[in-house]
Every structure is written in C-alpha cells, then in structure tokens.
Amino acid sequence: MTTGRRKRREGVVVSNKMDKTVVVVVERLVRHAQYHKFLRQRERYKAHDEKNQCRLGDRVRLIETRPLSRDKRWAVQAILSRSEALADVIATAEAEKAAAKAEVETAPEGGTTP
C-alpha cells in the first residue's frame, strides 16, 4: 500500500463502541493571527479499525482512505501507545454501574422498607 500523498493524523481514541470503527480526537495548536496566543483546536474523526484492536485512550495514527461510509474517511494505520490507566478506570466505572443496576433489579417492589 503506497502512502505517499495520503494525509496522516495522530490522536486519541475516545470511543470504540461501534463495530470496526473508532472515534479519534486529533488536537492541534494554532496561533491566533492578531493576539498571537496559541489555541487548541480539536477535531473528531471516525476511523476504520479492521480487527477491533483499539481501546479507549490509545494513541493512534490515522491515514486517509477512500470513503468507507457516510462519515468514515480514515483508517487506523498503527497503535502508537496503549493507555492502561484509562482502560482500568473505565472498566471499574462500568463494573460499578452494573452492580448498581443489579441492586435496583433485586430491590423489593412496593416503595419504602420499614
């Protein structure tokens, strides 16, 4: 696969809930023309992840590709680094959410308890 003229971006995976698709936030610094202050500009890209390898918080490199769907024009070329800490926090939060849901389902119906 030749990559000579294809655009590349690096960003962080913020969603991997779709099948073979990830949402990646790419952040760049732009200098204001008048005030010369640096501004952060963020853009979200939907990218193709063929093997569903990307996890939340991973730093990835995207490469431009042909249109794959209505919103998807990028593909994950490489996973540059894994974010273990963020994945652990999210897994813990999901486990707590599931436990709270289980408590609500097992609670007796009929209002208050004596």
PDB file of N, CA and C in Angstrom:
ATOM      1  N   MET A   1       0.850  -1.174   0.000  1.00  0.00           N
ATOM      2  CA  MET A   1       0.000   0.000   0.000  1.00  0.00           C
ATOM      3  C   MET A   1       0.897   1.239   0.000  1.00  0.00           C
ATOM      4  N   THR A   2       0.718   2.076  -0.991  1.00  0.00           N
ATOM      5  CA  THR A   2       1.516   3.296  -1.057  1.00  0.00           C
ATOM      6  C   THR A   2       0.846   4.382  -0.227  1.00  0.00           C
ATOM      7  N   THR A   3       1.653   5.131   0.493  1.00  0.00           N
ATOM      8  CA  THR A   3       1.115   6.164   1.382  1.00  0.00           C
ATOM      9  C   THR A   3       1.717   7.523   1.068  1.00  0.00           C
ATOM     10  N   GLY A   4       2.205   7.705  -0.149  1.00  0.00           N
ATOM     11  CA  GLY A   4       2.928   8.922  -0.491  1.00  0.00           C
ATOM     12  C   GLY A   4       2.150  10.202  -0.297  1.00  0.00           C
ATOM     13  N   ARG A   5       0.940  10.273  -0.789  1.00  0.00           N
ATOM     14  CA  ARG A   5       0.187  11.522  -0.764  1.00  0.00           C
ATOM     15  C   ARG A   5      -0.963  11.515   0.234  1.00  0.00           C
ATOM     16  N   ARG A   6      -1.095  10.469   0.982  1.00  0.00           N
ATOM     17  CA  ARG A   6      -2.205  10.398   1.937  1.00  0.00           C
ATOM     18  C   ARG A   6      -1.900  11.221   3.174  1.00  0.00           C
ATOM     19  N   LYS A   7      -2.929  11.906   3.659  1.00  0.00           N
ATOM     20  CA  LYS A   7      -2.776  12.684   4.888  1.00  0.00           C
ATOM     21  C   LYS A   7      -2.687  11.742   6.077  1.00  0.00           C
ATOM     22  N   ARG A   8      -1.985  12.184   7.099  1.00  0.00           N
ATOM     23  CA  ARG A   8      -1.858  11.406   8.335  1.00  0.00           C
ATOM     24  C   ARG A   8      -2.204  12.292   9.513  1.00  0.00           C
ATOM     25  N   ARG A   9      -2.777  11.693  10.518  1.00  0.00           N
ATOM     26  CA  ARG A   9      -3.108  12.392  11.753  1.00  0.00           C
ATOM     27  C   ARG A   9      -2.789  11.474  12.923  1.00  0.00           C
ATOM     28  N   GLU A  10      -2.478  12.074  14.069  1.00  0.00           N
ATOM     29  CA  GLU A  10      -2.290  11.311  15.299  1.00  0.00           C
ATOM     30  C   GLU A  10      -3.271  11.828  16.333  1.00  0.00           C
ATOM     31  N   GLY A  11      -3.920  10.910  17.039  1.00  0.00           N
ATOM     32  CA  GLY A  11      -4.896  11.327  18.030  1.00  0.00           C
ATOM     33  C   GLY A  11      -5.162  10.234  19.047  1.00  0.00           C
ATOM     34  N   VAL A  12      -6.169  10.484  19.879  1.00  0.00           N
ATOM     35  CA  VAL A  12      -6.518   9.590  20.982  1.00  0.00           C
ATOM     36  C   VAL A  12      -7.917   9.026  20.749  1.00  0.00           C
ATOM     37  N   VAL A  13      -8.059   7.724  20.961  1.00  0.00           N
ATOM     38  CA  VAL A  13      -9.349   7.057  20.789  1.00  0.00           C
ATOM     39  C   VAL A  13     -10.268   7.459  21.940  1.00  0.00           C
ATOM     40  N   VAL A  14     -11.440   7.996  21.619  1.00  0.00           N
ATOM     41  CA  VAL A  14     -12.401   8.393  22.650  1.00  0.00           C
ATOM     42  C   VAL A  14     -13.651   7.514  22.644  1.00  0.00           C
ATOM     43  N   SER A  15     -13.832   6.714  21.590  1.00  0.00           N
ATOM     44  CA  SER A  15     -14.976   5.804  21.553  1.00  0.00           C
ATOM     45  C   SER A  15     -14.626   4.610  20.673  1.00  0.00           C
ATOM     46  N   ASN A  16     -14.965   3.424  21.146  1.00  0.00           N
ATOM     47  CA  ASN A  16     -14.776   2.219  20.339  1.00  0.00           C
ATOM     48  C   ASN A  16     -16.016   1.332  20.410  1.00  0.00           C
ATOM     49  N   LYS A  17     -17.173   1.937  20.572  1.00  0.00           N
ATOM     50  CA  LYS A  17     -18.397   1.182  20.777  1.00  0.00           C
ATOM     51  C   LYS A  17     -18.981   0.621  19.486  1.00  0.00           C
ATOM     52  N   MET A  18     -18.547   1.146  18.341  1.00  0.00           N
ATOM     53  CA  MET A  18     -19.055   0.647  17.073  1.00  0.00           C
ATOM     54  C   MET A  18     -18.205  -0.527  16.601  1.00  0.00           C
ATOM     55  N   ASP A  19     -18.765  -1.337  15.710  1.00  0.00           N
ATOM     56  CA  ASP A  19     -18.033  -2.474  15.175  1.00  0.00           C
ATOM     57  C   ASP A  19     -17.102  -2.001  14.070  1.00  0.00           C
ATOM     58  N   LYS A  20     -15.811  -2.268  14.225  1.00  0.00           N
ATOM     59  CA  LYS A  20     -14.773  -1.914  13.254  1.00  0.00           C
ATOM     60  C   LYS A  20     -14.640  -0.412  13.023  1.00  0.00           C
ATOM     61  N   THR A  21     -15.091   0.387  13.975  1.00  0.00           N
ATOM     62  CA  THR A  21     -14.989   1.839  13.855  1.00  0.00           C
ATOM     63  C   THR A  21     -14.601   2.423  15.205  1.00  0.00           C
ATOM     64  N   VAL A  22     -13.708   3.397  15.179  1.00  0.00           N
ATOM     65  CA  VAL A  22     -13.332   4.123  16.384  1.00  0.00           C
ATOM     66  C   VAL A  22     -13.477   5.614  16.115  1.00  0.00           C
ATOM     67  N   VAL A  23     -13.712   6.373  17.182  1.00  0.00           N
ATOM     68  CA  VAL A  23     -13.737   7.822  17.089  1.00  0.00           C
ATOM     69  C   VAL A  23     -12.447   8.324  17.712  1.00  0.00           C
ATOM     70  N   VAL A  24     -11.725   9.148  16.953  1.00  0.00           N
ATOM     71  CA  VAL A  24     -10.413   9.624  17.376  1.00  0.00           C
ATOM     72  C   VAL A  24     -10.440  11.143  17.425  1.00  0.00           C
ATOM     73  N   VAL A  25      -9.953  11.714  18.538  1.00  0.00           N
ATOM     74  CA  VAL A  25      -9.844  13.164  18.668  1.00  0.00           C
ATOM     75  C   VAL A  25      -8.410  13.555  18.343  1.00  0.00           C
ATOM     76  N   VAL A  26      -8.285  14.445  17.364  1.00  0.00           N
ATOM     77  CA  VAL A  26      -6.976  14.968  16.979  1.00  0.00           C
ATOM     78  C   VAL A  26      -6.919  16.417  17.437  1.00  0.00           C
ATOM     79  N   GLU A  27      -5.893  16.741  18.213  1.00  0.00           N
ATOM     80  CA  GLU A  27      -5.754  18.083  18.777  1.00  0.00           C
ATOM     81  C   GLU A  27      -4.537  18.757  18.168  1.00  0.00           C
ATOM     82  N   ARG A  28      -4.692  20.021  17.798  1.00  0.00           N
ATOM     83  CA  ARG A  28      -3.555  20.760  17.260  1.00  0.00           C
ATOM     84  C   ARG A  28      -3.553  22.170  17.819  1.00  0.00           C
ATOM     85  N   LEU A  29      -2.368  22.767  17.871  1.00  0.00           N
ATOM     86  CA  LEU A  29      -2.224  24.131  18.363  1.00  0.00           C
ATOM     87  C   LEU A  29      -2.155  25.081  17.171  1.00  0.00           C
ATOM     88  N   VAL A  30      -2.958  26.143  17.235  1.00  0.00           N
ATOM     89  CA  VAL A  30      -2.990  27.142  16.176  1.00  0.00           C
ATOM     90  C   VAL A  30      -2.755  28.499  16.811  1.00  0.00           C
ATOM     91  N   ARG A  31      -1.922  29.288  16.212  1.00  0.00           N
ATOM     92  CA  ARG A  31      -1.616  30.606  16.757  1.00  0.00           C
ATOM     93  C   ARG A  31      -2.622  31.619  16.233  1.00  0.00           C
ATOM     94  N   HIS A  32      -3.192  32.401  17.140  1.00  0.00           N
ATOM     95  CA  HIS A  32      -4.162  33.426  16.765  1.00  0.00           C
ATOM     96  C   HIS A  32      -3.459  34.506  15.947  1.00  0.00           C
ATOM     97  N   ALA A  33      -4.092  34.942  14.873  1.00  0.00           N
ATOM     98  CA  ALA A  33      -3.454  35.874  13.947  1.00  0.00           C
ATOM     99  C   ALA A  33      -3.167  37.233  14.581  1.00  0.00           C
ATOM    100  N   GLN A  34      -4.103  37.724  15.388  1.00  0.00           N
ATOM    101  CA  GLN A  34      -3.931  39.061  15.960  1.00  0.00           C
ATOM    102  C   GLN A  34      -3.254  39.037  17.327  1.00  0.00           C
ATOM    103  N   TYR A  35      -3.701  38.142  18.189  1.00  0.00           N
ATOM    104  CA  TYR A  35      -3.233  38.148  19.569  1.00  0.00           C
ATOM    105  C   TYR A  35      -2.043  37.224  19.819  1.00  0.00           C
ATOM    106  N   HIS A  36      -1.684  36.394  18.872  1.00  0.00           N
ATOM    107  CA  HIS A  36      -0.533  35.504  18.947  1.00  0.00           C
ATOM    108  C   HIS A  36      -0.600  34.513  20.110  1.00  0.00           C
ATOM    109  N   LYS A  37      -1.789  34.276  20.594  1.00  0.00           N
ATOM    110  CA  LYS A  37      -1.964  33.271  21.631  1.00  0.00           C
ATOM    111  C   LYS A  37      -2.229  31.926  20.948  1.00  0.00           C
ATOM    112  N   PHE A  38      -1.724  30.853  21.549  1.00  0.00           N
ATOM    113  CA  PHE A  38      -1.954  29.542  20.976  1.00  0.00           C
ATOM    114  C   PHE A  38      -3.312  29.014  21.420  1.00  0.00           C
ATOM    115  N   LEU A  39      -4.092  28.529  20.468  1.00  0.00           N
ATOM    116  CA  LEU A  39      -5.414  27.984  20.722  1.00  0.00           C
ATOM    117  C   LEU A  39      -5.403  26.499  20.403  1.00  0.00           C
ATOM    118  N   ARG A  40      -6.113  25.724  21.197  1.00  0.00           N
ATOM    119  CA  ARG A  40      -6.244  24.292  20.932  1.00  0.00           C
ATOM    120  C   ARG A  40      -7.461  24.070  20.062  1.00  0.00           C
ATOM    121  N   GLN A  41      -7.254  23.416  18.948  1.00  0.00           N
ATOM    122  CA  GLN A  41      -8.375  23.046  18.096  1.00  0.00           C
ATOM    123  C   GLN A  41      -8.453  21.534  18.065  1.00  0.00           C
ATOM    124  N   ARG A  42      -9.665  21.030  18.289  1.00  0.00           N
ATOM    125  CA  ARG A  42      -9.878  19.588  18.305  1.00  0.00           C
ATOM    126  C   ARG A  42     -10.814  19.218  17.160  1.00  0.00           C
ATOM    127  N   GLU A  43     -10.518  18.084  16.561  1.00  0.00           N
ATOM    128  CA  GLU A  43     -11.387  17.574  15.518  1.00  0.00           C
ATOM    129  C   GLU A  43     -11.578  16.082  15.747  1.00  0.00           C
ATOM    130  N   ARG A  44     -12.800  15.616  15.511  1.00  0.00           N
ATOM    131  CA  ARG A  44     -13.124  14.211  15.722  1.00  0.00           C
ATOM    132  C   ARG A  44     -13.225  13.516  14.369  1.00  0.00           C
ATOM    133  N   TYR A  45     -12.567  12.385  14.272  1.00  0.00           N
ATOM    134  CA  TYR A  45     -12.600  11.590  13.052  1.00  0.00           C
ATOM    135  C   TYR A  45     -13.135  10.203  13.378  1.00  0.00           C
ATOM    136  N   LYS A  46     -13.961   9.662  12.488  1.00  0.00           N
ATOM    137  CA  LYS A  46     -14.341   8.256  12.578  1.00  0.00           C
ATOM    138  C   LYS A  46     -13.384   7.492  11.682  1.00  0.00           C
ATOM    139  N   ALA A  47     -12.772   6.459  12.241  1.00  0.00           N
ATOM    140  CA  ALA A  47     -11.748   5.721  11.516  1.00  0.00           C
ATOM    141  C   ALA A  47     -12.053   4.229  11.537  1.00  0.00           C
ATOM    142  N   HIS A  48     -11.625   3.551  10.485  1.00  0.00           N
ATOM    143  CA  HIS A  48     -11.837   2.114  10.333  1.00  0.00           C
ATOM    144  C   HIS A  48     -10.787   1.352  11.129  1.00  0.00           C
ATOM    145  N   ASP A  49     -11.247   0.445  11.972  1.00  0.00           N
ATOM    146  CA  ASP A  49     -10.375  -0.406  12.786  1.00  0.00           C
ATOM    147  C   ASP A  49     -10.745  -1.850  12.462  1.00  0.00           C
ATOM    148  N   GLU A  50     -10.082  -2.427  11.476  1.00  0.00           N
ATOM    149  CA  GLU A  50     -10.476  -3.722  10.908  1.00  0.00           C
ATOM    150  C   GLU A  50     -10.589  -4.827  11.951  1.00  0.00           C
ATOM    151  N   LYS A  51      -9.648  -4.908  12.882  1.00  0.00           N
ATOM    152  CA  LYS A  51      -9.619  -6.022  13.834  1.00  0.00           C
ATOM    153  C   LYS A  51     -10.150  -5.647  15.209  1.00  0.00           C
ATOM    154  N   ASN A  52     -10.756  -4.496  15.356  1.00  0.00           N
ATOM    155  CA  ASN A  52     -11.283  -4.026  16.643  1.00  0.00           C
ATOM    156  C   ASN A  52     -10.215  -4.077  17.739  1.00  0.00           C
ATOM    157  N   GLN A  53      -8.997  -3.643  17.422  1.00  0.00           N
ATOM    158  CA  GLN A  53      -7.894  -3.696  18.371  1.00  0.00           C
ATOM    159  C   GLN A  53      -7.801  -2.463  19.254  1.00  0.00           C
ATOM    160  N   CYS A  54      -8.330  -1.345  18.818  1.00  0.00           N
ATOM    161  CA  CYS A  54      -8.176  -0.086  19.551  1.00  0.00           C
ATOM    162  C   CYS A  54      -9.026  -0.089  20.812  1.00  0.00           C
ATOM    163  N   ARG A  55      -8.443   0.457  21.886  1.00  0.00           N
ATOM    164  CA  ARG A  55      -9.169   0.613  23.142  1.00  0.00           C
ATOM    165  C   ARG A  55      -9.209   2.091  23.492  1.00  0.00           C
ATOM    166  N   LEU A  56     -10.056   2.437  24.439  1.00  0.00           N
ATOM    167  CA  LEU A  56     -10.176   3.829  24.866  1.00  0.00           C
ATOM    168  C   LEU A  56      -8.847   4.333  25.390  1.00  0.00           C
ATOM    169  N   GLY A  57      -8.476   5.542  24.995  1.00  0.00           N
ATOM    170  CA  GLY A  57      -7.253   6.152  25.473  1.00  0.00           C
ATOM    171  C   GLY A  57      -6.024   5.826  24.653  1.00  0.00           C
ATOM    172  N   ASP A  58      -6.129   4.910  23.704  1.00  0.00           N
ATOM    173  CA  ASP A  58      -4.972   4.571  22.875  1.00  0.00           C
ATOM    174  C   ASP A  58      -4.598   5.742  21.981  1.00  0.00           C
ATOM    175  N   ARG A  59      -3.302   5.930  21.797  1.00  0.00           N
ATOM    176  CA  ARG A  59      -2.819   6.932  20.848  1.00  0.00           C
ATOM    177  C   ARG A  59      -2.598   6.208  19.528  1.00  0.00           C
ATOM    178  N   VAL A  60      -3.232   6.696  18.447  1.00  0.00           N
ATOM    179  CA  VAL A  60      -3.193   6.005  17.159  1.00  0.00           C
ATOM    180  C   VAL A  60      -2.782   6.953  16.038  1.00  0.00           C
ATOM    181  N   ARG A  61      -2.293   6.357  14.956  1.00  0.00           N
ATOM    182  CA  ARG A  61      -2.009   7.118  13.741  1.00  0.00           C
ATOM    183  C   ARG A  61      -3.080   6.765  12.718  1.00  0.00           C
ATOM    184  N   LEU A  62      -3.715   7.785  12.152  1.00  0.00           N
ATOM    185  CA  LEU A  62      -4.737   7.598  11.125  1.00  0.00           C
ATOM    186  C   LEU A  62      -4.137   7.904   9.766  1.00  0.00           C
ATOM    187  N   ILE A  63      -4.695   7.262   8.755  1.00  0.00           N
ATOM    188  CA  ILE A  63      -4.272   7.539   7.391  1.00  0.00           C
ATOM    189  C   ILE A  63      -5.528   7.728   6.549  1.00  0.00           C
ATOM    190  N   GLU A  64      -5.458   8.666   5.636  1.00  0.00           N
ATOM    191  CA  GLU A  64      -6.596   8.981   4.780  1.00  0.00           C
ATOM    192  C   GLU A  64      -6.872   7.804   3.847  1.00  0.00           C
ATOM    193  N   THR A  65      -8.149   7.534   3.602  1.00  0.00           N
ATOM    194  CA  THR A  65      -8.527   6.430   2.731  1.00  0.00           C
ATOM    195  C   THR A  65      -9.774   6.811   1.940  1.00  0.00           C
ATOM    196  N   ARG A  66     -10.207   5.922   1.090  1.00  0.00           N
ATOM    197  CA  ARG A  66     -11.416   6.187   0.311  1.00  0.00           C
ATOM    198  C   ARG A  66     -12.618   6.212   1.250  1.00  0.00           C
ATOM    199  N   PRO A  67     -13.735   6.791   0.824  1.00  0.00           N
ATOM    200  CA  PRO A  67     -14.921   6.784   1.684  1.00  0.00           C
ATOM    201  C   PRO A  67     -15.390   5.357   1.969  1.00  0.00           C
ATOM    202  N   LEU A  68     -15.468   5.026   3.255  1.00  0.00           N
ATOM    203  CA  LEU A  68     -15.906   3.694   3.662  1.00  0.00           C
ATOM    204  C   LEU A  68     -17.358   3.692   4.115  1.00  0.00           C
ATOM    205  N   SER A  69     -17.845   4.844   4.534  1.00  0.00           N
ATOM    206  CA  SER A  69     -19.248   5.004   4.914  1.00  0.00           C
ATOM    207  C   SER A  69     -19.556   6.492   4.839  1.00  0.00           C
ATOM    208  N   ARG A  70     -20.688   6.890   5.357  1.00  0.00           N
ATOM    209  CA  ARG A  70     -21.076   8.297   5.272  1.00  0.00           C
ATOM    210  C   ARG A  70     -20.083   9.202   5.982  1.00  0.00           C
ATOM    211  N   ASP A  71     -19.572   8.773   7.127  1.00  0.00           N
ATOM    212  CA  ASP A  71     -18.678   9.610   7.928  1.00  0.00           C
ATOM    213  C   ASP A  71     -17.230   9.125   7.937  1.00  0.00           C
ATOM    214  N   LYS A  72     -16.976   7.917   7.493  1.00  0.00           N
ATOM    215  CA  LYS A  72     -15.661   7.299   7.667  1.00  0.00           C
ATOM    216  C   LYS A  72     -14.794   7.489   6.426  1.00  0.00           C
ATOM    217  N   ARG A  73     -13.711   8.298   6.596  1.00  0.00           N
ATOM    218  CA  ARG A  73     -12.761   8.526   5.510  1.00  0.00           C
ATOM    219  C   ARG A  73     -11.325   8.283   5.966  1.00  0.00           C
ATOM    220  N   TRP A  74     -11.155   7.670   7.132  1.00  0.00           N
ATOM    221  CA  TRP A  74      -9.840   7.446   7.711  1.00  0.00           C
ATOM    222  C   TRP A  74      -9.753   5.993   8.177  1.00  0.00           C
ATOM    223  N   ALA A  75      -8.531   5.487   8.260  1.00  0.00           N
ATOM    224  CA  ALA A  75      -8.288   4.140   8.767  1.00  0.00           C
ATOM    225  C   ALA A  75      -7.157   4.202   9.779  1.00  0.00           C
ATOM    226  N   VAL A  76      -7.214   3.321  10.768  1.00  0.00           N
ATOM    227  CA  VAL A  76      -6.150   3.243  11.760  1.00  0.00           C
ATOM    228  C   VAL A  76      -4.964   2.548  11.114  1.00  0.00           C
ATOM    229  N   GLN A  77      -3.835   3.248  11.042  1.00  0.00           N
ATOM    230  CA  GLN A  77      -2.633   2.662  10.465  1.00  0.00           C
ATOM    231  C   GLN A  77      -1.820   1.939  11.532  1.00  0.00           C
ATOM    232  N   ALA A  78      -1.717   2.549  12.723  1.00  0.00           N
ATOM    233  CA  ALA A  78      -0.915   1.932  13.776  1.00  0.00           C
ATOM    234  C   ALA A  78      -1.394   2.416  15.137  1.00  0.00           C
ATOM    235  N   ILE A  79      -1.246   1.553  16.132  1.00  0.00           N
ATOM    236  CA  ILE A  79      -1.474   1.945  17.515  1.00  0.00           C
ATOM    237  C   ILE A  79      -0.116   2.327  18.079  1.00  0.00           C
ATOM    238  N   LEU A  80       0.046   3.604  18.427  1.00  0.00           N
ATOM    239  CA  LEU A  80       1.344   4.106  18.858  1.00  0.00           C
ATOM    240  C   LEU A  80       1.619   3.801  20.315  1.00  0.00           C
ATOM    241  N   SER A  81       0.587   3.918  21.170  1.00  0.00           N
ATOM    242  CA  SER A  81       0.769   3.594  22.584  1.00  0.00           C
ATOM    243  C   SER A  81      -0.574   3.228  23.191  1.00  0.00           C
ATOM    244  N   ARG A  82      -0.498   2.371  24.175  1.00  0.00           N
ATOM    245  CA  ARG A  82      -1.707   1.931  24.886  1.00  0.00           C
ATOM    246  C   ARG A  82      -1.874   2.742  26.157  1.00  0.00           C
ATOM    247  N   SER A  83      -3.115   2.964  26.544  1.00  0.00           N
ATOM    248  CA  SER A  83      -3.394   3.664  27.793  1.00  0.00           C
ATOM    249  C   SER A  83      -4.024   2.674  28.759  1.00  0.00           C
ATOM    250  N   GLU A  84      -3.218   2.097  29.598  1.00  0.00           N
ATOM    251  CA  GLU A  84      -3.705   1.111  30.566  1.00  0.00           C
ATOM    252  C   GLU A  84      -4.520   1.773  31.667  1.00  0.00           C
ATOM    253  N   ALA A  85      -4.091   2.940  32.129  1.00  0.00           N
ATOM    254  CA  ALA A  85      -4.750   3.597  33.254  1.00  0.00           C
ATOM    255  C   ALA A  85      -6.189   3.970  32.907  1.00  0.00           C
ATOM    256  N   LEU A  86      -6.396   4.555  31.742  1.00  0.00           N
ATOM    257  CA  LEU A  86      -7.742   4.972  31.348  1.00  0.00           C
ATOM    258  C   LEU A  86      -8.648   3.767  31.170  1.00  0.00           C
ATOM    259  N   ALA A  87      -8.131   2.689  30.592  1.00  0.00           N
ATOM    260  CA  ALA A  87      -8.929   1.489  30.390  1.00  0.00           C
ATOM    261  C   ALA A  87      -9.360   0.899  31.732  1.00  0.00           C
ATOM    262  N   ASP A  88      -8.457   0.922  32.726  1.00  0.00           N
ATOM    263  CA  ASP A  88      -8.800   0.399  34.053  1.00  0.00           C
ATOM    264  C   ASP A  88      -9.886   1.243  34.717  1.00  0.00           C
ATOM    265  N   VAL A  89      -9.791   2.556  34.592  1.00  0.00           N
ATOM    266  CA  VAL A  89     -10.794   3.449  35.182  1.00  0.00           C
ATOM    267  C   VAL A  89     -12.152   3.199  34.552  1.00  0.00           C
ATOM    268  N   ILE A  90     -12.181   3.055  33.243  1.00  0.00           N
ATOM    269  CA  ILE A  90     -13.453   2.836  32.545  1.00  0.00           C
ATOM    270  C   ILE A  90     -14.041   1.477  32.915  1.00  0.00           C
ATOM    271  N   ALA A  91     -13.206   0.451  33.005  1.00  0.00           N
ATOM    272  CA  ALA A  91     -13.689  -0.875  33.380  1.00  0.00           C
ATOM    273  C   ALA A  91     -14.269  -0.866  34.791  1.00  0.00           C
ATOM    274  N   THR A  92     -13.625  -0.157  35.703  1.00  0.00           N
ATOM    275  CA  THR A  92     -14.122  -0.046  37.076  1.00  0.00           C
ATOM    276  C   THR A  92     -15.465   0.673  37.099  1.00  0.00           C
ATOM    277  N   ALA A  93     -15.578   1.748  36.337  1.00  0.00           N
ATOM    278  CA  ALA A  93     -16.835   2.505  36.299  1.00  0.00           C
ATOM    279  C   ALA A  93     -17.961   1.650  35.723  1.00  0.00           C
ATOM    280  N   GLU A  94     -17.668   0.870  34.692  1.00  0.00           N
ATOM    281  CA  GLU A  94     -18.698   0.003  34.116  1.00  0.00           C
ATOM    282  C   GLU A  94     -19.114  -1.087  35.094  1.00  0.00           C
ATOM    283  N   ALA A  95     -18.167  -1.616  35.859  1.00  0.00           N
ATOM    284  CA  ALA A  95     -18.488  -2.646  36.846  1.00  0.00           C
ATOM    285  C   ALA A  95     -19.376  -2.073  37.950  1.00  0.00           C
ATOM    286  N   GLU A  96     -19.066  -0.851  38.407  1.00  0.00           N
ATOM    287  CA  GLU A  96     -19.894  -0.204  39.426  1.00  0.00           C
ATOM    288  C   GLU A  96     -21.290   0.071  38.897  1.00  0.00           C
ATOM    289  N   LYS A  97     -21.374   0.464  37.655  1.00  0.00           N
ATOM    290  CA  LYS A  97     -22.686   0.731  37.034  1.00  0.00           C
ATOM    291  C   LYS A  97     -23.516  -0.554  36.955  1.00  0.00           C
ATOM    292  N   ALA A  98     -22.868  -1.663  36.590  1.00  0.00           N
ATOM    293  CA  ALA A  98     -23.570  -2.944  36.506  1.00  0.00           C
ATOM    294  C   ALA A  98     -24.024  -3.405  37.893  1.00  0.00           C
ATOM    295  N   ALA A  99     -23.179  -3.179  38.906  1.00  0.00           N
ATOM    296  CA  ALA A  99     -23.551  -3.572  40.269  1.00  0.00           C
ATOM    297  C   ALA A  99     -24.738  -2.754  40.766  1.00  0.00           C
ATOM    298  N   ALA A 100     -24.742  -1.467  40.468  1.00  0.00           N
ATOM    299  CA  ALA A 100     -25.856  -0.614  40.878  1.00  0.00           C
ATOM    300  C   ALA A 100     -27.149  -1.034  40.180  1.00  0.00           C
ATOM    301  N   LYS A 101     -27.028  -1.419  38.925  1.00  0.00           N
ATOM    302  CA  LYS A 101     -28.209  -1.866  38.180  1.00  0.00           C
ATOM    303  C   LYS A 101     -28.742  -3.172  38.766  1.00  0.00           C
ATOM    304  N   ALA A 102     -27.850  -4.074  39.165  1.00  0.00           N
ATOM    305  CA  ALA A 102     -28.257  -5.339  39.761  1.00  0.00           C
ATOM    306  C   ALA A 102     -28.956  -5.105  41.098  1.00  0.00           C
ATOM    307  N   GLU A 103     -28.479  -4.125  41.883  1.00  0.00           N
ATOM    308  CA  GLU A 103     -29.123  -3.798  43.160  1.00  0.00           C
ATOM    309  C   GLU A 103     -30.542  -3.300  42.950  1.00  0.00           C
ATOM    310  N   VAL A 104     -30.726  -2.476  41.936  1.00  0.00           N
ATOM    311  CA  VAL A 104     -32.057  -1.916  41.657  1.00  0.00           C
ATOM    312  C   VAL A 104     -32.996  -3.024  41.222  1.00  0.00           C
ATOM    313  N   GLU A 105     -32.511  -3.973  40.441  1.00  0.00           N
ATOM    314  CA  GLU A 105     -33.363  -5.056  39.959  1.00  0.00           C
ATOM    315  C   GLU A 105     -33.748  -6.017  41.080  1.00  0.00           C
ATOM    316  N   THR A 106     -32.885  -6.206  42.075  1.00  0.00           N
ATOM    317  CA  THR A 106     -33.180  -7.144  43.159  1.00  0.00           C
ATOM    318  C   THR A 106     -33.909  -6.481  44.336  1.00  0.00           C
ATOM    319  N   ALA A 107     -34.055  -5.170  44.316  1.00  0.00           N
ATOM    320  CA  ALA A 107     -34.732  -4.465  45.411  1.00  0.00           C
ATOM    321  C   ALA A 107     -36.209  -4.850  45.422  1.00  0.00           C
ATOM    322  N   PRO A 108     -36.804  -5.003  46.601  1.00  0.00           N
ATOM    323  CA  PRO A 108     -38.235  -5.369  46.668  1.00  0.00           C
ATOM    324  C   PRO A 108     -39.102  -4.214  46.172  1.00  0.00           C
ATOM    325  N   GLU A 109     -40.156  -4.593  45.483  1.00  0.00           N
ATOM    326  CA  GLU A 109     -41.075  -3.579  44.974  1.00  0.00           C
ATOM    327  C   GLU A 109     -42.074  -3.210  46.060  1.00  0.00           C
ATOM    328  N   GLY A 110     -42.702  -2.056  45.896  1.00  0.00           N
ATOM    329  CA  GLY A 110     -43.725  -1.678  46.858  1.00  0.00           C
ATOM    330  C   GLY A 110     -43.358  -0.433  47.640  1.00  0.00           C
ATOM    331  N   GLY A 111     -42.290   0.232  47.277  1.00  0.00           N
ATOM    332  CA  GLY A 111     -41.993   1.506  47.944  1.00  0.00           C
ATOM    333  C   GLY A 111     -40.897   1.401  48.978  1.00  0.00           C
ATOM    334  N   THR A 112     -41.180   1.953  50.168  1.00  0.00           N
ATOM    335  CA  THR A 112     -40.145   2.061  51.181  1.00  0.00           C
ATOM    336  C   THR A 112     -40.055   0.781  51.998  1.00  0.00           C
ATOM    337  N   THR A 113     -38.909   0.595  52.627  1.00  0.00           N
ATOM    338  CA  THR A 113     -38.725  -0.544  53.507  1.00  0.00           C
ATOM    339  C   THR A 113     -38.831  -0.061  54.969  1.00  0.00           C
ATOM    340  N   PRO A 114     -39.318  -0.915  55.873  1.00  0.00           N
ATOM    341  CA  PRO A 114     -39.503  -0.476  57.266  1.00  0.00           C
ATOM    342  C   PRO A 114     -38.218  -0.264  58.003  1.00  0.00           C
TER     343      PRO A 114
END
